[in-house]
Each structure stands twice: as C-alpha cells, then as structure tokens.
PDB file of N, CA and C in Angstrom:
ATOM      1  N   MET A   1      85.064 134.705   9.850  1.00  0.00           N
ATOM      2  CA  MET A   1      83.770 134.439   9.267  1.00  0.00           C
ATOM      3  C   MET A   1      83.147 133.171   9.854  1.00  0.00           C
ATOM      4  N   LEU A   2      83.881 132.064   9.821  1.00  0.00           N
ATOM      5  CA  LEU A   2      83.322 130.805  10.268  1.00  0.00           C
ATOM      6  C   LEU A   2      83.587 130.519  11.744  1.00  0.00           C
ATOM      7  N   LYS A   3      84.356 131.367  12.421  1.00  0.00           N
ATOM      8  CA  LYS A   3      84.681 131.093  13.810  1.00  0.00           C
ATOM      9  C   LYS A   3      83.455 131.200  14.720  1.00  0.00           C
ATOM     10  N   ASN A   4      82.444 131.940  14.300  1.00  0.00           N
ATOM     11  CA  ASN A   4      81.245 132.099  15.119  1.00  0.00           C
ATOM     12  C   ASN A   4      80.358 130.871  15.059  1.00  0.00           C
ATOM     13  N   ASN A   5      80.366 130.136  13.972  1.00  0.00           N
ATOM     14  CA  ASN A   5      79.493 128.987  13.790  1.00  0.00           C
ATOM     15  C   ASN A   5      80.322 127.724  13.604  1.00  0.00           C
ATOM     16  N   PRO A   6      80.529 126.912  14.670  1.00  0.00           N
ATOM     17  CA  PRO A   6      81.387 125.747  14.556  1.00  0.00           C
ATOM     18  C   PRO A   6      80.802 124.639  13.674  1.00  0.00           C
ATOM     19  N   TYR A   7      79.502 124.650  13.425  1.00  0.00           N
ATOM     20  CA  TYR A   7      78.891 123.589  12.620  1.00  0.00           C
ATOM     21  C   TYR A   7      79.145 123.773  11.141  1.00  0.00           C
ATOM     22  N   SER A   8      79.532 124.945  10.700  1.00  0.00           N
ATOM     23  CA  SER A   8      79.768 125.168   9.277  1.00  0.00           C
ATOM     24  C   SER A   8      81.113 124.617   8.817  1.00  0.00           C
ATOM     25  N   PHE A   9      81.997 124.233   9.746  1.00  0.00           N
ATOM     26  CA  PHE A   9      83.282 123.642   9.342  1.00  0.00           C
ATOM     27  C   PHE A   9      83.079 122.315   8.625  1.00  0.00           C
ATOM     28  N   ILE A  10      82.130 121.525   9.068  1.00  0.00           N
ATOM     29  CA  ILE A  10      81.889 120.234   8.464  1.00  0.00           C
ATOM     30  C   ILE A  10      81.357 120.409   7.047  1.00  0.00           C
ATOM     31  N   ASP A  11      80.665 121.509   6.787  1.00  0.00           N
ATOM     32  CA  ASP A  11      80.142 121.755   5.447  1.00  0.00           C
ATOM     33  C   ASP A  11      81.238 122.068   4.434  1.00  0.00           C
ATOM     34  N   LEU A  12      82.393 122.557   4.884  1.00  0.00           N
ATOM     35  CA  LEU A  12      83.487 122.905   3.975  1.00  0.00           C
ATOM     36  C   LEU A  12      84.178 121.661   3.406  1.00  0.00           C
ATOM     37  N   VAL A  13      84.429 120.665   4.240  1.00  0.00           N
ATOM     38  CA  VAL A  13      85.173 119.479   3.839  1.00  0.00           C
ATOM     39  C   VAL A  13      84.179 118.393   3.442  1.00  0.00           C
ATOM     40  N   HIS A  14      84.222 117.977   2.150  1.00  0.00           N
ATOM     41  CA  HIS A  14      83.275 116.982   1.676  1.00  0.00           C
ATOM     42  C   HIS A  14      83.736 115.567   2.013  1.00  0.00           C
ATOM     43  N   LYS A  15      84.917 115.176   1.494  1.00  0.00           N
ATOM     44  CA  LYS A  15      85.391 113.807   1.717  1.00  0.00           C
ATOM     45  C   LYS A  15      86.877 113.726   1.375  1.00  0.00           C
ATOM     46  N   PRO A  16      87.580 112.705   1.886  1.00  0.00           N
ATOM     47  CA  PRO A  16      88.980 112.516   1.474  1.00  0.00           C
ATOM     48  C   PRO A  16      89.052 111.908   0.081  1.00  0.00           C
ATOM     49  N   ILE A  17      90.104 112.232  -0.630  1.00  0.00           N
ATOM     50  CA  ILE A  17      90.329 111.669  -1.975  1.00  0.00           C
ATOM     51  C   ILE A  17      91.367 110.577  -1.835  1.00  0.00           C
ATOM     52  N   LEU A  18      90.999 109.355  -2.250  1.00  0.00           N
ATOM     53  CA  LEU A  18      91.887 108.201  -2.120  1.00  0.00           C
ATOM     54  C   LEU A  18      92.196 107.658  -3.507  1.00  0.00           C
ATOM     55  N   THR A  19      93.396 107.937  -3.982  1.00  0.00           N
ATOM     56  CA  THR A  19      93.891 107.404  -5.252  1.00  0.00           C
ATOM     57  C   THR A  19      95.291 106.858  -4.997  1.00  0.00           C
ATOM     58  N   ASP A  20      95.936 106.359  -6.026  1.00  0.00           N
ATOM     59  CA  ASP A  20      97.305 105.849  -5.873  1.00  0.00           C
ATOM     60  C   ASP A  20      98.244 106.967  -5.434  1.00  0.00           C
ATOM     61  N   LYS A  21      98.110 108.120  -6.054  1.00  0.00           N
ATOM     62  CA  LYS A  21      99.005 109.235  -5.725  1.00  0.00           C
ATOM     63  C   LYS A  21      98.785 109.731  -4.302  1.00  0.00           C
ATOM     64  N   THR A  22      97.510 109.833  -3.877  1.00  0.00           N
ATOM     65  CA  THR A  22      97.252 110.357  -2.542  1.00  0.00           C
ATOM     66  C   THR A  22      97.630 109.356  -1.448  1.00  0.00           C
ATOM     67  N   THR A  23      97.582 108.047  -1.731  1.00  0.00           N
ATOM     68  CA  THR A  23      98.047 107.084  -0.730  1.00  0.00           C
ATOM     69  C   THR A  23      99.570 107.133  -0.576  1.00  0.00           C
ATOM     70  N   ARG A  24     100.280 107.491  -1.644  1.00  0.00           N
ATOM     71  CA  ARG A  24     101.726 107.704  -1.501  1.00  0.00           C
ATOM     72  C   ARG A  24     102.019 108.952  -0.703  1.00  0.00           C
ATOM     73  N   LEU A  25     101.156 109.959  -0.794  1.00  0.00           N
ATOM     74  CA  LEU A  25     101.355 111.183  -0.007  1.00  0.00           C
ATOM     75  C   LEU A  25     101.134 110.953   1.486  1.00  0.00           C
ATOM     76  N   LEU A  26     100.380 109.898   1.833  1.00  0.00           N
ATOM     77  CA  LEU A  26     100.147 109.596   3.252  1.00  0.00           C
ATOM     78  C   LEU A  26     101.470 109.304   3.979  1.00  0.00           C
ATOM     79  N   GLU A  27     102.435 108.742   3.275  1.00  0.00           N
ATOM     80  CA  GLU A  27     103.740 108.444   3.877  1.00  0.00           C
ATOM     81  C   GLU A  27     104.485 109.711   4.242  1.00  0.00           C
ATOM     82  N   GLU A  28     104.209 110.807   3.539  1.00  0.00           N
ATOM     83  CA  GLU A  28     104.849 112.092   3.826  1.00  0.00           C
ATOM     84  C   GLU A  28     103.987 112.955   4.731  1.00  0.00           C
ATOM     85  N   ASN A  29     102.967 112.345   5.354  1.00  0.00           N
ATOM     86  CA  ASN A  29     102.048 113.037   6.275  1.00  0.00           C
ATOM     87  C   ASN A  29     101.277 114.154   5.573  1.00  0.00           C
ATOM     88  N   GLN A  30     100.870 113.885   4.331  1.00  0.00           N
ATOM     89  CA  GLN A  30     100.055 114.807   3.564  1.00  0.00           C
ATOM     90  C   GLN A  30      98.739 114.105   3.217  1.00  0.00           C
ATOM     91  N   TYR A  31      97.638 114.835   3.334  1.00  0.00           N
ATOM     92  CA  TYR A  31      96.311 114.282   3.110  1.00  0.00           C
ATOM     93  C   TYR A  31      95.582 115.120   2.078  1.00  0.00           C
ATOM     94  N   CYS A  32      94.745 114.477   1.260  1.00  0.00           N
ATOM     95  CA  CYS A  32      94.053 115.129   0.184  1.00  0.00           C
ATOM     96  C   CYS A  32      92.542 115.072   0.443  1.00  0.00           C
ATOM     97  N   PHE A  33      91.870 116.224   0.307  1.00  0.00           N
ATOM     98  CA  PHE A  33      90.438 116.306   0.556  1.00  0.00           C
ATOM     99  C   PHE A  33      89.747 117.032  -0.574  1.00  0.00           C
ATOM    100  N   ARG A  34      88.468 116.695  -0.767  1.00  0.00           N
ATOM    101  CA  ARG A  34      87.593 117.435  -1.678  1.00  0.00           C
ATOM    102  C   ARG A  34      86.802 118.403  -0.826  1.00  0.00           C
ATOM    103  N   VAL A  35      86.834 119.680  -1.189  1.00  0.00           N
ATOM    104  CA  VAL A  35      86.220 120.718  -0.349  1.00  0.00           C
ATOM    105  C   VAL A  35      85.321 121.608  -1.193  1.00  0.00           C
ATOM    106  N   LYS A  36      84.582 122.463  -0.513  1.00  0.00           N
ATOM    107  CA  LYS A  36      83.698 123.410  -1.192  1.00  0.00           C
ATOM    108  C   LYS A  36      84.542 124.393  -2.008  1.00  0.00           C
ATOM    109  N   HIS A  37      84.091 124.681  -3.221  1.00  0.00           N
ATOM    110  CA  HIS A  37      84.920 125.463  -4.133  1.00  0.00           C
ATOM    111  C   HIS A  37      85.000 126.948  -3.767  1.00  0.00           C
ATOM    112  N   THR A  38      84.144 127.440  -2.878  1.00  0.00           N
ATOM    113  CA  THR A  38      84.180 128.850  -2.495  1.00  0.00           C
ATOM    114  C   THR A  38      85.035 129.102  -1.254  1.00  0.00           C
ATOM    115  N   ALA A  39      85.547 128.052  -0.629  1.00  0.00           N
ATOM    116  CA  ALA A  39      86.298 128.194   0.615  1.00  0.00           C
ATOM    117  C   ALA A  39      87.725 128.695   0.330  1.00  0.00           C
ATOM    118  N   ASN A  40      88.270 129.470   1.274  1.00  0.00           N
ATOM    119  CA  ASN A  40      89.639 129.942   1.128  1.00  0.00           C
ATOM    120  C   ASN A  40      90.571 129.156   2.059  1.00  0.00           C
ATOM    121  N   LYS A  41      91.883 129.361   1.912  1.00  0.00           N
ATOM    122  CA  LYS A  41      92.860 128.582   2.662  1.00  0.00           C
ATOM    123  C   LYS A  41      92.734 128.799   4.176  1.00  0.00           C
ATOM    124  N   LYS A  42      92.469 130.016   4.577  1.00  0.00           N
ATOM    125  CA  LYS A  42      92.386 130.334   5.997  1.00  0.00           C
ATOM    126  C   LYS A  42      91.237 129.570   6.666  1.00  0.00           C
ATOM    127  N   ASP A  43      90.072 129.571   6.030  1.00  0.00           N
ATOM    128  CA  ASP A  43      88.923 128.837   6.569  1.00  0.00           C
ATOM    129  C   ASP A  43      89.142 127.332   6.531  1.00  0.00           C
ATOM    130  N   LEU A  44      89.777 126.855   5.461  1.00  0.00           N
ATOM    131  CA  LEU A  44      90.035 125.409   5.352  1.00  0.00           C
ATOM    132  C   LEU A  44      91.027 124.936   6.397  1.00  0.00           C
ATOM    133  N   LYS A  45      92.045 125.727   6.664  1.00  0.00           N
ATOM    134  CA  LYS A  45      93.015 125.360   7.696  1.00  0.00           C
ATOM    135  C   LYS A  45      92.346 125.268   9.054  1.00  0.00           C
ATOM    136  N   HIS A  46      91.525 126.244   9.375  1.00  0.00           N
ATOM    137  CA  HIS A  46      90.832 126.249  10.654  1.00  0.00           C
ATOM    138  C   HIS A  46      89.848 125.075  10.748  1.00  0.00           C
ATOM    139  N   ALA A  47      89.175 124.749   9.632  1.00  0.00           N
ATOM    140  CA  ALA A  47      88.214 123.643   9.622  1.00  0.00           C
ATOM    141  C   ALA A  47      88.903 122.306   9.828  1.00  0.00           C
ATOM    142  N   ILE A  48      90.034 122.062   9.143  1.00  0.00           N
ATOM    143  CA  ILE A  48      90.748 120.798   9.287  1.00  0.00           C
ATOM    144  C   ILE A  48      91.288 120.655  10.718  1.00  0.00           C
ATOM    145  N   GLU A  49      91.809 121.733  11.276  1.00  0.00           N
ATOM    146  CA  GLU A  49      92.317 121.686  12.634  1.00  0.00           C
ATOM    147  C   GLU A  49      91.219 121.401  13.644  1.00  0.00           C
ATOM    148  N   GLN A  50      90.025 121.935  13.436  1.00  0.00           N
ATOM    149  CA  GLN A  50      88.928 121.718  14.374  1.00  0.00           C
ATOM    150  C   GLN A  50      88.297 120.340  14.209  1.00  0.00           C
ATOM    151  N   ILE A  51      88.140 119.861  12.992  1.00  0.00           N
ATOM    152  CA  ILE A  51      87.481 118.573  12.762  1.00  0.00           C
ATOM    153  C   ILE A  51      88.351 117.411  13.219  1.00  0.00           C
ATOM    154  N   PHE A  52      89.633 117.426  12.833  1.00  0.00           N
ATOM    155  CA  PHE A  52      90.500 116.285  13.104  1.00  0.00           C
ATOM    156  C   PHE A  52      91.435 116.503  14.301  1.00  0.00           C
ATOM    157  N   ASN A  53      91.413 117.676  14.918  1.00  0.00           N
ATOM    158  CA  ASN A  53      92.234 117.987  16.097  1.00  0.00           C
ATOM    159  C   ASN A  53      93.720 117.767  15.805  1.00  0.00           C
ATOM    160  N   VAL A  54      94.207 118.390  14.746  1.00  0.00           N
ATOM    161  CA  VAL A  54      95.608 118.300  14.321  1.00  0.00           C
ATOM    162  C   VAL A  54      96.146 119.692  14.069  1.00  0.00           C
ATOM    163  N   LYS A  55      97.467 119.805  13.886  1.00  0.00           N
ATOM    164  CA  LYS A  55      98.130 121.063  13.566  1.00  0.00           C
ATOM    165  C   LYS A  55      98.514 121.039  12.087  1.00  0.00           C
ATOM    166  N   VAL A  56      97.972 121.985  11.306  1.00  0.00           N
ATOM    167  CA  VAL A  56      98.229 122.076   9.868  1.00  0.00           C
ATOM    168  C   VAL A  56      99.399 123.011   9.630  1.00  0.00           C
ATOM    169  N   LEU A  57     100.405 122.526   8.883  1.00  0.00           N
ATOM    170  CA  LEU A  57     101.561 123.361   8.544  1.00  0.00           C
ATOM    171  C   LEU A  57     101.360 124.097   7.225  1.00  0.00           C
ATOM    172  N   LYS A  58     100.753 123.417   6.230  1.00  0.00           N
ATOM    173  CA  LYS A  58     100.675 123.997   4.894  1.00  0.00           C
ATOM    174  C   LYS A  58      99.461 123.430   4.160  1.00  0.00           C
ATOM    175  N   ILE A  59      98.843 124.274   3.328  1.00  0.00           N
ATOM    176  CA  ILE A  59      97.723 123.848   2.500  1.00  0.00           C
ATOM    177  C   ILE A  59      97.978 124.276   1.056  1.00  0.00           C
ATOM    178  N   ASN A  60      97.870 123.339   0.128  1.00  0.00           N
ATOM    179  CA  ASN A  60      97.914 123.644  -1.296  1.00  0.00           C
ATOM    180  C   ASN A  60      96.528 123.406  -1.866  1.00  0.00           C
ATOM    181  N   THR A  61      96.027 124.352  -2.658  1.00  0.00           N
ATOM    182  CA  THR A  61      94.702 124.224  -3.230  1.00  0.00           C
ATOM    183  C   THR A  61      94.803 124.075  -4.737  1.00  0.00           C
ATOM    184  N   LEU A  62      93.789 123.417  -5.299  1.00  0.00           N
ATOM    185  CA  LEU A  62      93.739 123.159  -6.726  1.00  0.00           C
ATOM    186  C   LEU A  62      92.294 123.142  -7.154  1.00  0.00           C
ATOM    187  N   ARG A  63      91.954 123.999  -8.121  1.00  0.00           N
ATOM    188  CA  ARG A  63      90.585 123.989  -8.669  1.00  0.00           C
ATOM    189  C   ARG A  63      90.539 123.023  -9.833  1.00  0.00           C
ATOM    190  N   GLU A  64      89.659 122.051  -9.730  1.00  0.00           N
ATOM    191  CA  GLU A  64      89.479 121.106 -10.831  1.00  0.00           C
ATOM    192  C   GLU A  64      88.746 121.805 -11.977  1.00  0.00           C
ATOM    193  N   PRO A  65      89.123 121.548 -13.220  1.00  0.00           N
ATOM    194  CA  PRO A  65      88.432 122.211 -14.342  1.00  0.00           C
ATOM    195  C   PRO A  65      87.024 121.648 -14.525  1.00  0.00           C
ATOM    196  N   MET A  66      86.132 122.471 -15.090  1.00  0.00           N
ATOM    197  CA  MET A  66      84.769 122.061 -15.378  1.00  0.00           C
ATOM    198  C   MET A  66      84.789 121.009 -16.477  1.00  0.00           C
ATOM    199  N   LYS A  67      84.071 119.901 -16.258  1.00  0.00           N
ATOM    200  CA  LYS A  67      84.054 118.826 -17.250  1.00  0.00           C
ATOM    201  C   LYS A  67      82.653 118.660 -17.818  1.00  0.00           C
ATOM    202  N   LYS A  68      82.572 118.432 -19.109  1.00  0.00           N
ATOM    203  CA  LYS A  68      81.280 118.203 -19.760  1.00  0.00           C
ATOM    204  C   LYS A  68      80.965 116.716 -19.766  1.00  0.00           C
ATOM    205  N   ARG A  69      79.714 116.392 -19.538  1.00  0.00           N
ATOM    206  CA  ARG A  69      79.237 115.015 -19.593  1.00  0.00           C
ATOM    207  C   ARG A  69      78.008 114.948 -20.478  1.00  0.00           C
ATOM    208  N   THR A  70      77.904 113.906 -21.273  1.00  0.00           N
ATOM    209  CA  THR A  70      76.762 113.712 -22.151  1.00  0.00           C
ATOM    210  C   THR A  70      76.032 112.439 -21.752  1.00  0.00           C
ATOM    211  N   VAL A  71      74.735 112.552 -21.530  1.00  0.00           N
ATOM    212  CA  VAL A  71      73.899 111.399 -21.244  1.00  0.00           C
ATOM    213  C   VAL A  71      72.792 111.430 -22.285  1.00  0.00           C
ATOM    214  N   GLY A  72      72.879 110.504 -23.241  1.00  0.00           N
ATOM    215  CA  GLY A  72      71.910 110.518 -24.340  1.00  0.00           C
ATOM    216  C   GLY A  72      72.105 111.761 -25.196  1.00  0.00           C
ATOM    217  N   LYS A  73      71.038 112.509 -25.362  1.00  0.00           N
ATOM    218  CA  LYS A  73      71.137 113.742 -26.156  1.00  0.00           C
ATOM    219  C   LYS A  73      71.348 114.970 -25.298  1.00  0.00           C
ATOM    220  N   PHE A  74      71.426 114.792 -23.986  1.00  0.00           N
ATOM    221  CA  PHE A  74      71.594 115.932 -23.072  1.00  0.00           C
ATOM    222  C   PHE A  74      73.061 116.115 -22.707  1.00  0.00           C
ATOM    223  N   THR A  75      73.506 117.374 -22.740  1.00  0.00           N
ATOM    224  CA  THR A  75      74.874 117.704 -22.363  1.00  0.00           C
ATOM    225  C   THR A  75      74.830 118.587 -21.117  1.00  0.00           C
ATOM    226  N   GLY A  76      75.663 118.223 -20.149  1.00  0.00           N
ATOM    227  CA  GLY A  76      75.704 118.986 -18.925  1.00  0.00           C
ATOM    228  C   GLY A  76      77.113 119.109 -18.409  1.00  0.00           C
ATOM    229  N   ARG A  77      77.278 119.638 -17.217  1.00  0.00           N
ATOM    230  CA  ARG A  77      78.585 119.807 -16.615  1.00  0.00           C
ATOM    231  C   ARG A  77      78.648 119.099 -15.280  1.00  0.00           C
ATOM    232  N   LYS A  78      79.839 118.602 -14.955  1.00  0.00           N
ATOM    233  CA  LYS A  78      80.042 117.980 -13.650  1.00  0.00           C
ATOM    234  C   LYS A  78      80.140 119.068 -12.585  1.00  0.00           C
ATOM    235  N   THR A  79      79.905 118.677 -11.341  1.00  0.00           N
ATOM    236  CA  THR A  79      79.945 119.621 -10.229  1.00  0.00           C
ATOM    237  C   THR A  79      81.349 120.157 -10.038  1.00  0.00           C
ATOM    238  N   LEU A  80      81.423 121.462  -9.793  1.00  0.00           N
ATOM    239  CA  LEU A  80      82.687 122.135  -9.582  1.00  0.00           C
ATOM    240  C   LEU A  80      83.132 121.930  -8.126  1.00  0.00           C
ATOM    241  N   TYR A  81      84.381 121.573  -7.933  1.00  0.00           N
ATOM    242  CA  TYR A  81      84.906 121.440  -6.578  1.00  0.00           C
ATOM    243  C   TYR A  81      86.375 121.824  -6.546  1.00  0.00           C
ATOM    244  N   LYS A  82      86.884 121.938  -5.335  1.00  0.00           N
ATOM    245  CA  LYS A  82      88.276 122.292  -5.119  1.00  0.00           C
ATOM    246  C   LYS A  82      88.940 121.133  -4.362  1.00  0.00           C
ATOM    247  N   LYS A  83      90.194 120.880  -4.698  1.00  0.00           N
ATOM    248  CA  LYS A  83      90.952 119.837  -4.040  1.00  0.00           C
ATOM    249  C   LYS A  83      92.054 120.495  -3.226  1.00  0.00           C
ATOM    250  N   ILE A  84      92.276 120.000  -1.994  1.00  0.00           N
ATOM    251  CA  ILE A  84      93.351 120.544  -1.170  1.00  0.00           C
ATOM    252  C   ILE A  84      94.282 119.417  -0.751  1.00  0.00           C
ATOM    253  N   ILE A  85      95.543 119.742  -0.607  1.00  0.00           N
ATOM    254  CA  ILE A  85      96.544 118.832  -0.048  1.00  0.00           C
ATOM    255  C   ILE A  85      97.043 119.495   1.223  1.00  0.00           C
ATOM    256  N   VAL A  86      96.850 118.802   2.335  1.00  0.00           N
ATOM    257  CA  VAL A  86      97.147 119.335   3.655  1.00  0.00           C
ATOM    258  C   VAL A  86      98.398 118.659   4.194  1.00  0.00           C
ATOM    259  N   LYS A  87      99.399 119.450   4.589  1.00  0.00           N
ATOM    260  CA  LYS A  87     100.597 118.908   5.231  1.00  0.00           C
ATOM    261  C   LYS A  87     100.472 119.147   6.731  1.00  0.00           C
ATOM    262  N   LEU A  88     100.617 118.059   7.495  1.00  0.00           N
ATOM    263  CA  LEU A  88     100.443 118.127   8.942  1.00  0.00           C
ATOM    264  C   LEU A  88     101.790 118.157   9.659  1.00  0.00           C
ATOM    265  N   ASP A  89     101.711 118.541  10.915  1.00  0.00           N
ATOM    266  CA  ASP A  89     102.853 118.481  11.811  1.00  0.00           C
ATOM    267  C   ASP A  89     103.300 117.013  11.917  1.00  0.00           C
ATOM    268  N   PRO A  90     104.604 116.733  11.995  1.00  0.00           N
ATOM    269  CA  PRO A  90     105.066 115.334  12.032  1.00  0.00           C
ATOM    270  C   PRO A  90     104.503 114.498  13.170  1.00  0.00           C
ATOM    271  N   LYS A  91     104.120 115.134  14.268  1.00  0.00           N
ATOM    272  CA  LYS A  91     103.597 114.344  15.391  1.00  0.00           C
ATOM    273  C   LYS A  91     102.086 114.099  15.295  1.00  0.00           C
ATOM    274  N   ASP A  92     101.405 114.730  14.335  1.00  0.00           N
ATOM    275  CA  ASP A  92      99.969 114.546  14.150  1.00  0.00           C
ATOM    276  C   ASP A  92      99.664 113.577  13.012  1.00  0.00           C
ATOM    277  N   LYS A  93      98.470 112.978  13.077  1.00  0.00           N
ATOM    278  CA  LYS A  93      98.066 112.016  12.052  1.00  0.00           C
ATOM    279  C   LYS A  93      96.546 111.994  11.969  1.00  0.00           C
ATOM    280  N   ILE A  94      96.028 111.815  10.768  1.00  0.00           N
ATOM    281  CA  ILE A  94      94.585 111.642  10.550  1.00  0.00           C
ATOM    282  C   ILE A  94      94.361 110.182  10.197  1.00  0.00           C
ATOM    283  N   ILE A  95      93.472 109.511  10.906  1.00  0.00           N
ATOM    284  CA  ILE A  95      93.217 108.088  10.670  1.00  0.00           C
ATOM    285  C   ILE A  95      92.060 107.980   9.668  1.00  0.00           C
ATOM    286  N   LEU A  96      92.396 107.650   8.413  1.00  0.00           N
ATOM    287  CA  LEU A  96      91.382 107.489   7.374  1.00  0.00           C
ATOM    288  C   LEU A  96      90.840 106.067   7.335  1.00  0.00           C
ATOM    289  N   PHE A  97      91.657 105.093   7.741  1.00  0.00           N
ATOM    290  CA  PHE A  97      91.262 103.687   7.735  1.00  0.00           C
ATOM    291  C   PHE A  97      91.268 103.180   9.186  1.00  0.00           C
ATOM    292  N   PRO A  98      90.147 103.265   9.904  1.00  0.00           N
ATOM    293  CA  PRO A  98      90.132 102.790  11.290  1.00  0.00           C
ATOM    294  C   PRO A  98      90.252 101.278  11.339  1.00  0.00           C
ATOM    295  N   GLU A  99      91.019 100.802  12.301  1.00  0.00           N
ATOM    296  CA  GLU A  99      91.193  99.352  12.463  1.00  0.00           C
ATOM    297  C   GLU A  99      90.014  98.797  13.229  1.00  0.00           C
ATOM    298  N   THR A 100      89.436  97.723  12.678  1.00  0.00           N
ATOM    299  CA  THR A 100      88.273  97.113  13.334  1.00  0.00           C
ATOM    300  C   THR A 100      88.548  95.713  13.760  1.00  0.00           C
TER     301      THR A 100
END
C-alpha cells in the first residue's frame, strides 16, 4: 500500500516517546514511537526502516485508551493514537539526541 508513495512514511510516525521507562529501553536497543492509530505493523516496520535506515527485528503495538478531558463546562476526548516499541538489530542504532 505505502510502497508506491515514499512520502507517506513520514506521516505514519509522529514522534518518539521519551519517558523514564523508554530511556531504560534504549539500553536494550528498543525505541518507542507515537504513530498513526490506523497503521499496521507491516507498514510501520517498512516506515521505520526507510526513515532511519535501520533493520527492525520486532514491533510491539499498543493502543492507548480514549481519555476524557474537561475544560470548564465542556467535556471532550483526547486524540487517539497508537504506541509502538521497536526492537532493532544489535548493530543498528537510532540517534534521538544528536551531539552538538
């Protein structure tokens, strides 16, 4: 589906997730990203490999539950997204913090 249009890969991956738990996963060569909630594992694997030029061994996906937010008298929902944990080949690495 996405192999015909290389520019749509960037649309799948929103941003990396950086928390205490995900920084510990960096030591095991695993990276966590926030991605489009309609994407499947096959498209996400191909997108990560093309964007970062790495070899992906495994992808775990997790759908975040819908959360309600209240602002004043208005009640709404937070944006729905999917979280992935990507395990890379031991010789590959994604540089999230470039040295300046």
